[in-house]
N, C-alpha and C. Protein backbone atom coordinates (compact mmCIF):
# COMPACT_ATOMS: atom_id res chain seq x y z
N UNK A 1 84.78 -14.76 261.88
CA UNK A 1 85.47 -15.16 261.05
C UNK A 1 86.09 -15.71 262.66
N UNK A 2 86.43 -16.84 262.83
CA UNK A 2 87.54 -17.13 263.89
C UNK A 2 88.78 -18.49 263.50
N UNK A 3 89.59 -17.80 264.40
CA UNK A 3 90.81 -18.55 264.06
C UNK A 3 91.63 -19.22 265.30
N UNK A 4 92.15 -20.19 266.09
CA UNK A 4 92.92 -20.92 266.82
C UNK A 4 94.28 -20.46 267.07
N UNK A 5 94.41 -19.63 267.97
CA UNK A 5 95.68 -19.48 268.10
C UNK A 5 96.00 -19.90 269.43
N UNK A 6 96.92 -20.87 269.91
CA UNK A 6 96.87 -21.53 271.53
C UNK A 6 97.95 -20.04 272.23
N UNK A 7 96.86 -20.10 273.27
CA UNK A 7 98.00 -19.42 274.26
C UNK A 7 99.67 -20.44 274.80
N UNK A 8 100.73 -19.30 274.87
CA UNK A 8 101.51 -20.30 275.24
C UNK A 8 102.67 -20.00 275.89
N UNK A 9 103.27 -20.38 276.90
CA UNK A 9 103.97 -19.84 277.68
C UNK A 9 105.95 -19.30 277.58
N UNK A 10 106.02 -18.54 277.43
CA UNK A 10 107.42 -18.09 277.03
C UNK A 10 108.85 -18.74 277.74
N UNK A 11 109.57 -18.88 277.33
CA UNK A 11 111.13 -19.88 278.13
C UNK A 11 111.65 -18.12 278.04
N UNK A 12 112.60 -17.99 279.33
CA UNK A 12 112.93 -17.00 279.87
C UNK A 12 113.67 -16.21 278.90
N UNK A 13 114.73 -16.97 278.15
CA UNK A 13 115.29 -16.66 276.77
C UNK A 13 114.46 -15.84 276.14
N UNK A 14 113.34 -16.90 275.75
CA UNK A 14 112.87 -16.03 274.86
C UNK A 14 111.96 -14.75 275.40
N UNK A 15 111.82 -14.45 276.57
CA UNK A 15 110.86 -13.64 277.54
C UNK A 15 111.87 -12.49 277.26
N UNK A 16 112.93 -12.88 277.71
CA UNK A 16 114.42 -12.10 277.81
C UNK A 16 114.53 -11.09 276.95
N UNK A 17 115.03 -11.63 275.11
CA UNK A 17 115.54 -11.71 274.21
C UNK A 17 113.87 -10.38 273.49
N UNK A 18 112.79 -10.45 273.97
CA UNK A 18 111.78 -9.59 273.39
C UNK A 18 112.44 -8.38 273.95
N UNK A 19 112.67 -8.02 275.46
CA UNK A 19 112.66 -7.13 275.88
C UNK A 19 113.60 -6.28 275.00
N UNK A 20 114.90 -6.48 274.44
CA UNK A 20 115.23 -5.95 274.25
C UNK A 20 115.32 -5.64 272.10
N UNK A 21 114.32 -6.93 272.09
CA UNK A 21 113.48 -6.85 270.26
C UNK A 21 112.63 -5.75 270.17
N UNK A 22 111.72 -5.26 270.78
CA UNK A 22 110.49 -5.00 270.99
C UNK A 22 110.32 -3.90 271.75
N UNK A 23 110.11 -2.79 270.94
CA UNK A 23 110.06 -1.58 271.79
C UNK A 23 109.05 -1.54 272.63
N UNK A 24 107.47 -1.98 272.22
CA UNK A 24 106.33 -2.37 272.49
C UNK A 24 106.36 -3.53 273.59
N UNK A 25 106.89 -3.79 274.11
CA UNK A 25 106.90 -5.59 275.00
C UNK A 25 106.61 -5.17 276.38
N UNK A 26 106.66 -3.89 276.66
CA UNK A 26 106.37 -3.77 278.54
C UNK A 26 106.96 -4.95 278.63
N UNK A 27 107.73 -5.68 278.89
CA UNK A 27 108.57 -6.55 279.82
C UNK A 27 109.86 -5.92 280.16
N UNK A 28 109.71 -6.49 281.65
CA UNK A 28 110.85 -5.81 282.36
C UNK A 28 111.31 -7.45 283.32
N UNK A 29 112.77 -7.64 283.38
CA UNK A 29 113.37 -8.00 283.76
C UNK A 29 114.03 -7.54 285.20
N UNK A 30 113.82 -8.01 286.52
CA UNK A 30 114.05 -8.03 287.87
C UNK A 30 114.72 -9.34 288.25
N UNK A 31 115.90 -8.89 289.27
CA UNK A 31 115.64 -9.81 290.07
C UNK A 31 115.58 -9.29 291.57
N UNK A 32 114.58 -10.65 292.23
CA UNK A 32 113.97 -10.09 293.47
C UNK A 32 113.96 -11.16 294.19
N UNK A 33 113.88 -10.68 295.46
CA UNK A 33 113.52 -11.51 296.45
C UNK A 33 112.21 -12.22 296.46
N UNK A 34 111.74 -13.49 297.31
CA UNK A 34 110.11 -13.91 297.12
C UNK A 34 110.34 -14.73 298.27
N UNK A 35 109.13 -14.81 299.26
CA UNK A 35 109.16 -15.64 299.97
C UNK A 35 107.61 -16.87 299.52
N UNK A 36 108.23 -18.15 299.60
CA UNK A 36 107.20 -19.10 299.17
C UNK A 36 106.67 -20.23 300.53
N UNK A 37 105.87 -20.21 300.63
CA UNK A 37 105.31 -21.45 301.17
C UNK A 37 104.90 -22.72 300.70
N UNK A 38 105.34 -23.51 301.13
CA UNK A 38 105.14 -25.03 300.80
C UNK A 38 104.89 -26.35 301.17
N UNK A 39 103.99 -26.60 300.53
CA UNK A 39 103.54 -27.96 301.34
C UNK A 39 104.05 -28.40 302.27
N UNK A 40 103.58 -29.69 302.92
CA UNK A 40 104.73 -30.81 303.50
C UNK A 40 105.30 -31.67 302.29
N UNK A 41 104.69 -31.93 301.40
CA UNK A 41 105.38 -33.25 300.45
C UNK A 41 106.61 -32.66 300.08
N UNK A 42 106.69 -31.29 299.70
CA UNK A 42 108.15 -31.16 299.21
C UNK A 42 109.29 -30.85 300.46
N UNK A 43 109.00 -31.36 301.40
CA UNK A 43 110.28 -31.60 302.88
C UNK A 43 111.51 -32.08 301.72
N UNK A 44 111.55 -33.05 301.43
CA UNK A 44 112.47 -33.34 300.85
C UNK A 44 113.28 -33.08 299.48
N UNK A 45 111.90 -31.78 298.89
CA UNK A 45 112.50 -31.55 297.33
C UNK A 45 112.07 -30.25 297.56
N UNK A 46 112.97 -29.47 297.98
CA UNK A 46 112.32 -28.01 298.23
C UNK A 46 112.42 -27.08 297.13
N UNK A 47 113.96 -27.26 296.05
CA UNK A 47 113.61 -26.47 295.09
C UNK A 47 112.66 -27.12 294.16
N UNK A 48 112.39 -28.31 293.70
CA UNK A 48 111.51 -28.23 293.29
C UNK A 48 110.21 -27.80 293.32
N UNK A 49 109.62 -28.20 295.08
CA UNK A 49 108.43 -27.52 295.14
C UNK A 49 108.29 -25.60 295.25
N UNK A 50 109.50 -25.50 295.03
CA UNK A 50 109.26 -23.41 294.63
C UNK A 50 109.17 -23.63 293.25
N UNK A 51 109.68 -24.36 292.32
CA UNK A 51 109.30 -24.42 290.60
C UNK A 51 108.06 -24.35 290.91
N UNK A 52 107.09 -25.97 291.03
CA UNK A 52 106.45 -25.90 290.87
C UNK A 52 105.27 -24.88 291.46
N UNK A 53 105.53 -23.79 292.68
CA UNK A 53 105.10 -22.64 293.19
C UNK A 53 105.29 -21.90 292.10
N UNK A 54 106.40 -21.30 291.77
CA UNK A 54 106.59 -20.19 290.28
C UNK A 54 105.83 -20.73 289.26
N UNK A 55 105.64 -21.88 288.96
CA UNK A 55 105.42 -22.76 287.66
C UNK A 55 103.70 -22.33 287.58
N UNK A 56 103.13 -22.54 289.03
CA UNK A 56 101.34 -21.87 288.98
C UNK A 56 100.86 -20.70 288.96
N UNK A 57 102.02 -19.74 288.88
CA UNK A 57 101.78 -18.21 288.78
C UNK A 57 102.16 -17.53 287.66
N UNK A 58 102.84 -18.82 286.77
CA UNK A 58 103.58 -18.34 285.14
C UNK A 58 101.36 -17.36 284.65
N UNK A 59 102.12 -16.59 284.35
CA UNK A 59 101.09 -15.65 282.91
C UNK A 59 99.64 -15.35 283.94
N UNK A 60 99.83 -15.03 285.21
CA UNK A 60 98.86 -14.30 286.36
C UNK A 60 99.52 -12.91 287.00
N UNK A 61 98.39 -12.46 287.06
CA UNK A 61 99.05 -11.15 287.75
C UNK A 61 99.75 -11.58 289.10
N UNK A 62 100.23 -11.23 289.48
CA UNK A 62 101.71 -11.23 290.57
C UNK A 62 100.86 -10.68 292.21
N UNK A 63 100.58 -10.96 293.10
CA UNK A 63 100.35 -10.35 294.34
C UNK A 63 101.62 -9.63 294.98
N UNK A 64 102.34 -10.62 294.49
CA UNK A 64 103.95 -10.21 295.13
C UNK A 64 104.64 -8.58 294.53
N UNK A 65 104.20 -8.42 292.99
CA UNK A 65 104.61 -7.82 292.58
C UNK A 65 103.95 -6.55 291.28
N UNK A 66 104.14 -5.15 290.65
CA UNK A 66 102.98 -4.92 290.23
C UNK A 66 103.26 -5.57 288.69
N UNK A 67 102.79 -6.47 288.05
CA UNK A 67 102.78 -6.93 287.00
C UNK A 67 102.37 -8.57 287.11
N UNK A 68 102.65 -9.12 285.57
CA UNK A 68 102.72 -10.39 285.67
C UNK A 68 103.54 -11.28 285.14
N UNK A 69 103.48 -12.52 285.97
CA UNK A 69 104.94 -13.08 285.83
C UNK A 69 105.08 -14.04 284.11
N UNK A 70 105.67 -13.70 284.09
CA UNK A 70 106.02 -14.28 282.22
C UNK A 70 106.81 -14.88 282.42
N UNK A 71 108.24 -15.15 282.99
CA UNK A 71 109.33 -16.12 283.49
C UNK A 71 109.94 -16.21 284.72
N UNK A 72 110.32 -17.19 284.50
CA UNK A 72 111.91 -17.13 286.17
C UNK A 72 112.99 -18.03 285.68
N UNK A 73 113.97 -17.50 286.25
CA UNK A 73 115.40 -18.54 286.09
C UNK A 73 115.59 -18.39 287.49
N UNK A 74 117.48 -18.96 287.79
CA UNK A 74 118.25 -18.80 288.48
C UNK A 74 117.78 -18.57 289.72
N UNK A 75 116.92 -19.23 290.10
CA UNK A 75 116.15 -19.79 291.36
C UNK A 75 117.24 -20.74 292.57
N UNK A 76 117.57 -19.79 293.58
CA UNK A 76 118.46 -19.94 294.70
C UNK A 76 117.65 -19.79 295.96
N UNK A 77 117.35 -20.79 296.74
CA UNK A 77 117.16 -21.05 297.80
C UNK A 77 118.09 -19.87 299.31
N UNK A 78 117.71 -19.14 299.94
CA UNK A 78 118.58 -18.11 300.52
C UNK A 78 118.81 -18.46 302.09
N UNK A 79 117.51 -19.56 302.52
CA UNK A 79 117.73 -20.26 303.62
C UNK A 79 118.25 -21.52 303.79
N UNK A 80 118.96 -22.16 304.71
CA UNK A 80 119.47 -23.69 304.30
C UNK A 80 118.50 -24.31 305.47
N UNK A 81 117.44 -23.71 306.17
CA UNK A 81 116.30 -24.15 306.54
C UNK A 81 115.34 -23.79 306.41
N UNK A 82 113.97 -24.02 306.36
CA UNK A 82 112.72 -23.69 305.91
C UNK A 82 112.37 -23.17 307.57
N UNK A 83 111.22 -22.79 307.54
CA UNK A 83 110.24 -22.28 309.17
C UNK A 83 109.12 -23.02 308.76
N UNK A 84 108.47 -23.11 309.90
CA UNK A 84 107.35 -23.77 310.21
C UNK A 84 106.62 -22.94 311.16
N UNK A 85 105.69 -22.64 311.10
CA UNK A 85 105.15 -21.79 312.27
C UNK A 85 103.48 -22.15 313.02
N UNK A 86 103.80 -22.38 314.29
CA UNK A 86 102.29 -22.76 314.75
C UNK A 86 102.13 -24.07 314.56
N UNK A 87 100.94 -24.53 314.71
CA UNK A 87 100.44 -26.30 314.03
C UNK A 87 100.59 -26.29 312.97
N UNK A 88 100.83 -25.31 311.62
CA UNK A 88 100.84 -25.10 310.33
C UNK A 88 101.90 -26.20 309.64
N UNK A 89 101.10 -26.74 308.91
CA UNK A 89 102.86 -28.11 308.17
C UNK A 89 103.35 -27.42 307.58
N UNK A 90 102.84 -26.36 307.17
CA UNK A 90 103.37 -25.65 305.64
C UNK A 90 104.87 -25.05 305.57
N UNK A 91 105.75 -24.94 305.21
CA UNK A 91 107.16 -24.55 305.52
C UNK A 91 107.43 -23.33 304.48
N UNK A 92 108.28 -22.28 305.11
CA UNK A 92 108.46 -21.25 304.50
C UNK A 92 109.74 -20.98 304.43
N UNK A 93 109.90 -20.24 302.83
CA UNK A 93 111.65 -20.17 302.55
C UNK A 93 111.50 -18.32 301.91
N UNK A 94 112.33 -18.41 301.84
CA UNK A 94 112.42 -17.32 301.06
C UNK A 94 113.53 -17.28 300.07
N UNK A 95 113.12 -17.11 298.88
CA UNK A 95 114.19 -17.72 297.55
C UNK A 95 114.31 -16.31 296.90
N UNK A 96 115.43 -16.35 295.70
CA UNK A 96 115.97 -15.28 295.16
C UNK A 96 115.88 -15.85 293.64
N UNK A 97 115.42 -14.77 292.85
CA UNK A 97 115.30 -15.43 291.04
C UNK A 97 115.59 -14.47 290.18
N UNK A 98 115.90 -14.53 289.35
CA UNK A 98 115.45 -13.33 287.96
C UNK A 98 114.15 -13.70 287.10
N UNK A 99 113.40 -12.45 287.41
CA UNK A 99 112.06 -13.00 286.76
C UNK A 99 111.96 -11.75 285.49
N UNK A 100 111.28 -12.16 285.11
CA UNK A 100 110.83 -11.54 283.65
C UNK A 100 109.06 -11.07 283.84
N UNK A 101 108.72 -9.88 284.00
CA UNK A 101 107.45 -9.40 284.49
C UNK A 101 106.64 -8.86 283.28
N UNK A 102 105.63 -8.72 283.08
CA UNK A 102 105.04 -8.04 281.71
C UNK A 102 104.14 -6.65 282.48
N UNK A 103 104.30 -5.40 282.52
CA UNK A 103 103.69 -4.63 283.13
C UNK A 103 103.23 -3.97 281.84
N UNK A 104 102.16 -3.47 281.64
CA UNK A 104 101.42 -2.84 280.59
C UNK A 104 101.14 -1.72 281.53
N UNK A 105 100.31 -0.83 280.99
CA UNK A 105 99.62 0.67 281.81
C UNK A 105 98.83 1.20 280.81
N UNK A 106 97.51 1.63 281.28
CA UNK A 106 96.63 2.07 280.79
C UNK A 106 97.37 3.32 279.46
N UNK A 107 96.82 3.15 278.61
CA UNK A 107 97.78 4.16 277.38
C UNK A 107 98.84 3.98 276.68
N UNK A 108 99.57 3.15 277.14
CA UNK A 108 101.02 2.24 276.55
C UNK A 108 100.37 1.31 274.80
N UNK A 109 101.72 1.52 274.55
CA UNK A 109 100.92 1.05 272.85
C UNK A 109 101.67 -0.70 273.07
N UNK A 110 101.36 -1.48 272.36
CA UNK A 110 101.37 -2.81 272.74
C UNK A 110 101.10 -3.30 270.81
N UNK A 111 101.96 -4.58 270.85
CA UNK A 111 101.63 -5.58 269.33
C UNK A 111 100.89 -6.39 269.87
N UNK A 112 99.91 -7.11 268.98
CA UNK A 112 98.83 -7.94 269.16
C UNK A 112 98.94 -8.52 268.04
N UNK A 113 98.50 -10.04 267.89
CA UNK A 113 98.52 -10.67 266.27
C UNK A 113 97.14 -11.40 266.78
N UNK A 114 96.60 -10.74 265.73
CA UNK A 114 95.32 -10.80 265.08
C UNK A 114 94.38 -12.76 265.30
N UNK A 115 93.65 -12.67 266.40
CA UNK A 115 93.38 -13.88 266.22
C UNK A 115 91.64 -14.53 265.75
N UNK A 116 90.85 -12.72 265.82
CA UNK A 116 89.19 -13.24 265.74
C UNK A 116 89.40 -11.89 265.18
N UNK A 117 88.34 -11.98 264.32
CA UNK A 117 87.82 -10.90 263.37
C UNK A 117 86.34 -10.99 263.23
N UNK A 118 85.76 -9.41 263.26
CA UNK A 118 84.18 -9.45 262.87
C UNK A 118 83.79 -8.08 262.60
N UNK A 119 83.27 -7.61 262.06
CA UNK A 119 82.45 -6.24 261.08
C UNK A 119 82.91 -5.14 262.50
N UNK A 120 82.80 -5.68 263.55
CA UNK A 120 83.12 -4.40 265.12
C UNK A 120 84.37 -4.42 265.75
N UNK A 121 84.53 -5.46 265.54
CA UNK A 121 85.54 -6.13 266.67
C UNK A 121 86.63 -6.67 266.31
N UNK A 122 88.13 -7.18 266.86
CA UNK A 122 89.09 -7.65 266.45
C UNK A 122 89.58 -8.17 268.13
N UNK A 123 90.18 -9.76 267.80
CA UNK A 123 90.44 -9.91 269.21
C UNK A 123 91.93 -10.04 268.49
N UNK A 124 92.86 -10.29 269.85
CA UNK A 124 94.63 -10.34 269.45
C UNK A 124 95.00 -11.24 270.58
N UNK A 125 96.11 -11.90 270.11
CA UNK A 125 96.75 -11.87 271.15
C UNK A 125 98.13 -11.39 271.69
N UNK A 126 98.66 -10.73 273.01
CA UNK A 126 99.64 -10.12 273.20
C UNK A 126 100.40 -10.84 273.91
N UNK A 127 102.22 -11.05 273.12
CA UNK A 127 102.78 -12.07 274.06
C UNK A 127 102.68 -13.45 273.85
N UNK A 128 101.38 -13.45 273.06
CA UNK A 128 101.22 -15.48 272.36
C UNK A 128 100.33 -15.88 274.00
N UNK A 129 100.13 -14.66 275.11
CA UNK A 129 99.62 -15.44 275.93
C UNK A 129 98.29 -14.40 276.19
N UNK A 130 98.03 -13.31 276.31
CA UNK A 130 97.18 -12.34 276.41
C UNK A 130 95.92 -12.12 275.78
N UNK A 131 94.75 -12.27 276.09
CA UNK A 131 93.85 -11.35 275.04
C UNK A 131 93.62 -9.76 275.16
N UNK A 132 92.91 -9.52 273.69
CA UNK A 132 93.24 -7.98 274.16
C UNK A 132 91.76 -7.81 273.20
N UNK A 133 90.86 -7.00 273.34
CA UNK A 133 89.81 -6.64 272.31
C UNK A 133 90.09 -5.10 272.04
N UNK A 134 89.55 -5.52 270.58
CA UNK A 134 89.72 -3.90 270.02
C UNK A 134 88.57 -4.03 269.06
N UNK A 135 88.04 -3.05 269.64
CA UNK A 135 86.19 -2.85 269.34
C UNK A 135 86.33 -1.31 268.31
N UNK A 136 85.32 -1.24 267.35
CA UNK A 136 85.24 -0.50 266.32
C UNK A 136 84.94 0.67 267.26
N UNK A 137 84.70 2.15 267.48
CA UNK A 137 84.55 3.01 267.74
C UNK A 137 83.04 3.52 267.71
N UNK A 138 81.90 3.90 268.19
CA UNK A 138 80.78 4.16 268.37
C UNK A 138 80.59 5.39 267.37
N UNK A 139 81.18 5.68 267.54
CA UNK A 139 81.02 7.19 266.68
C UNK A 139 81.79 7.50 265.35
N UNK A 140 82.66 6.08 264.97
CA UNK A 140 83.04 6.28 263.53
C UNK A 140 82.16 6.14 262.62
N UNK A 141 82.04 6.89 261.78
CA UNK A 141 81.23 6.85 260.60
C UNK A 141 81.96 6.58 259.23
N UNK A 142 83.08 6.51 259.92
CA UNK A 142 83.70 6.17 258.22
C UNK A 142 84.66 4.76 258.02
N UNK A 143 85.49 4.21 257.47
CA UNK A 143 86.02 2.81 257.29
C UNK A 143 86.74 2.90 258.73
N UNK A 144 86.65 1.82 259.01
CA UNK A 144 87.28 1.45 260.48
C UNK A 144 88.59 0.65 260.07
N UNK A 145 89.81 0.75 260.32
CA UNK A 145 91.29 -0.18 260.33
C UNK A 145 90.92 -1.35 260.44
N UNK A 146 90.42 -1.48 261.78
CA UNK A 146 90.10 -2.93 262.13
C UNK A 146 89.65 -4.31 260.77
N UNK A 147 89.02 -3.82 259.78
CA UNK A 147 88.15 -3.85 258.90
C UNK A 147 89.33 -4.75 258.09
N UNK A 148 90.63 -3.74 257.82
CA UNK A 148 91.56 -4.29 256.67
C UNK A 148 92.43 -5.06 257.55
N UNK A 149 92.67 -5.56 259.06
CA UNK A 149 93.41 -6.62 259.21
C UNK A 149 92.99 -8.14 258.88
N UNK A 150 94.20 -8.95 258.89
CA UNK A 150 93.95 -10.45 258.77
C UNK A 150 94.23 -10.81 259.85
N UNK A 151 93.62 -12.19 259.76
CA UNK A 151 94.00 -13.32 260.88
C UNK A 151 95.53 -13.36 260.63
N UNK A 152 96.25 -13.54 262.02
CA UNK A 152 97.85 -13.66 261.52
C UNK A 152 98.60 -12.19 261.62
N UNK A 153 97.76 -11.14 261.33
CA UNK A 153 98.65 -9.85 260.97
C UNK A 153 99.35 -9.36 261.50
N UNK A 154 100.21 -8.59 262.40
CA UNK A 154 100.37 -8.27 263.59
C UNK A 154 99.94 -6.90 263.34
N UNK A 155 99.94 -6.18 264.45
CA UNK A 155 99.50 -4.98 264.30
C UNK A 155 99.73 -3.69 265.87
N UNK A 156 99.91 -2.66 266.23
CA UNK A 156 99.45 -2.19 267.17
C UNK A 156 98.36 -1.57 267.56
N UNK A 157 98.35 -1.53 269.07
CA UNK A 157 97.69 -0.45 269.71
C UNK A 157 97.55 0.19 271.15
N UNK A 158 96.66 0.61 271.36
CA UNK A 158 96.94 1.63 272.28
C UNK A 158 95.93 0.89 273.37
N UNK A 159 96.72 0.98 274.64
CA UNK A 159 95.80 0.26 275.83
C UNK A 159 94.85 1.51 276.20
N UNK A 160 93.71 0.88 276.38
CA UNK A 160 92.65 1.64 277.01
C UNK A 160 91.97 0.90 278.41
N UNK A 161 92.42 0.11 278.61
CA UNK A 161 91.81 -0.47 279.72
C UNK A 161 92.17 -2.07 280.15
N UNK A 162 92.13 -2.43 281.25
CA UNK A 162 92.98 -3.31 281.82
C UNK A 162 92.48 -3.91 283.01
N UNK A 163 91.94 -5.01 282.75
CA UNK A 163 91.44 -5.54 284.09
C UNK A 163 91.86 -7.10 284.13
N UNK A 164 91.51 -7.79 285.20
CA UNK A 164 91.50 -9.32 285.46
C UNK A 164 90.62 -9.64 286.22
N UNK A 165 90.58 -11.14 285.28
CA UNK A 165 89.71 -12.32 286.99
C UNK A 165 90.45 -13.63 286.98
N UNK A 166 90.15 -13.38 288.31
CA UNK A 166 90.69 -14.82 289.18
C UNK A 166 92.63 -14.91 288.46
N UNK A 167 93.18 -13.28 288.71
CA UNK A 167 94.37 -13.57 288.21
C UNK A 167 94.74 -12.82 286.55
N UNK A 168 93.71 -13.56 285.99
CA UNK A 168 94.30 -13.81 284.43
C UNK A 168 94.05 -12.06 283.75
N UNK A 169 94.86 -11.64 282.88
CA UNK A 169 95.00 -10.30 282.59
C UNK A 169 94.11 -10.24 281.33
N UNK A 170 93.52 -9.05 280.78
CA UNK A 170 93.01 -9.03 279.65
C UNK A 170 93.02 -7.45 279.26
N UNK A 171 92.86 -7.40 277.96
CA UNK A 171 93.62 -5.75 277.85
C UNK A 171 92.14 -5.52 276.82
N UNK A 172 91.95 -4.18 276.80
CA UNK A 172 91.06 -3.49 276.11
C UNK A 172 92.05 -2.62 275.47
N UNK A 173 91.48 -1.94 273.76
CA UNK A 173 92.25 -0.94 273.37
C UNK A 173 91.72 -0.56 271.83
N UNK A 174 92.62 0.25 271.54
CA UNK A 174 92.26 1.09 270.22
C UNK A 174 93.23 0.79 269.17
N UNK A 175 92.98 1.01 267.55
CA UNK A 175 94.50 0.60 266.82
C UNK A 175 95.17 1.40 267.15
N UNK A 176 96.36 2.07 267.08
CA UNK A 176 97.24 3.23 267.12
C UNK A 176 97.44 3.56 265.51
N UNK A 177 96.98 4.55 264.85
CA UNK A 177 97.64 5.29 263.74
C UNK A 177 98.41 5.97 263.91
N UNK A 178 99.52 5.76 263.72
CA UNK A 178 100.55 6.88 263.55
C UNK A 178 100.27 8.25 262.55
N UNK A 179 100.47 9.11 262.87
CA UNK A 179 100.07 10.33 262.49
C UNK A 179 100.96 11.01 262.03
């Protein structure tokens, strides 16, 4: 049984509100300086180029920080002129912005919403963006809690593995049962 739940991008205010609302969000607000390299087509519209560059990094593992860029706001270009090096036509700028980063770790608890289900597997979305896969433990002989979950239901799971493919974050976990 499978259902379609569309991956969406959170606005800065939506992501920021999740930080305070959800103890399992693993979202963090940071103000940070960032180096951005823009192609020549943005010589007359630097701010637009910076925004397009940052938009292209949304929901991807960010090489410049330990986490996934979820949203940004308050972009400020820190120099009045950019730099061009050697024969390269690209222009270099330092910018500052407020960023919301997703920083899960193995062992942390997250909330997921079921979007796929089978006898031995539950698929879910975290923050409407990231796929998480929950498998029935091989050595479990009693009934698995995953069979009770329904499409669209929210549940808590413990992260057992984090992996990326081309910058896309995926999670693996086990259903968390409070004892």
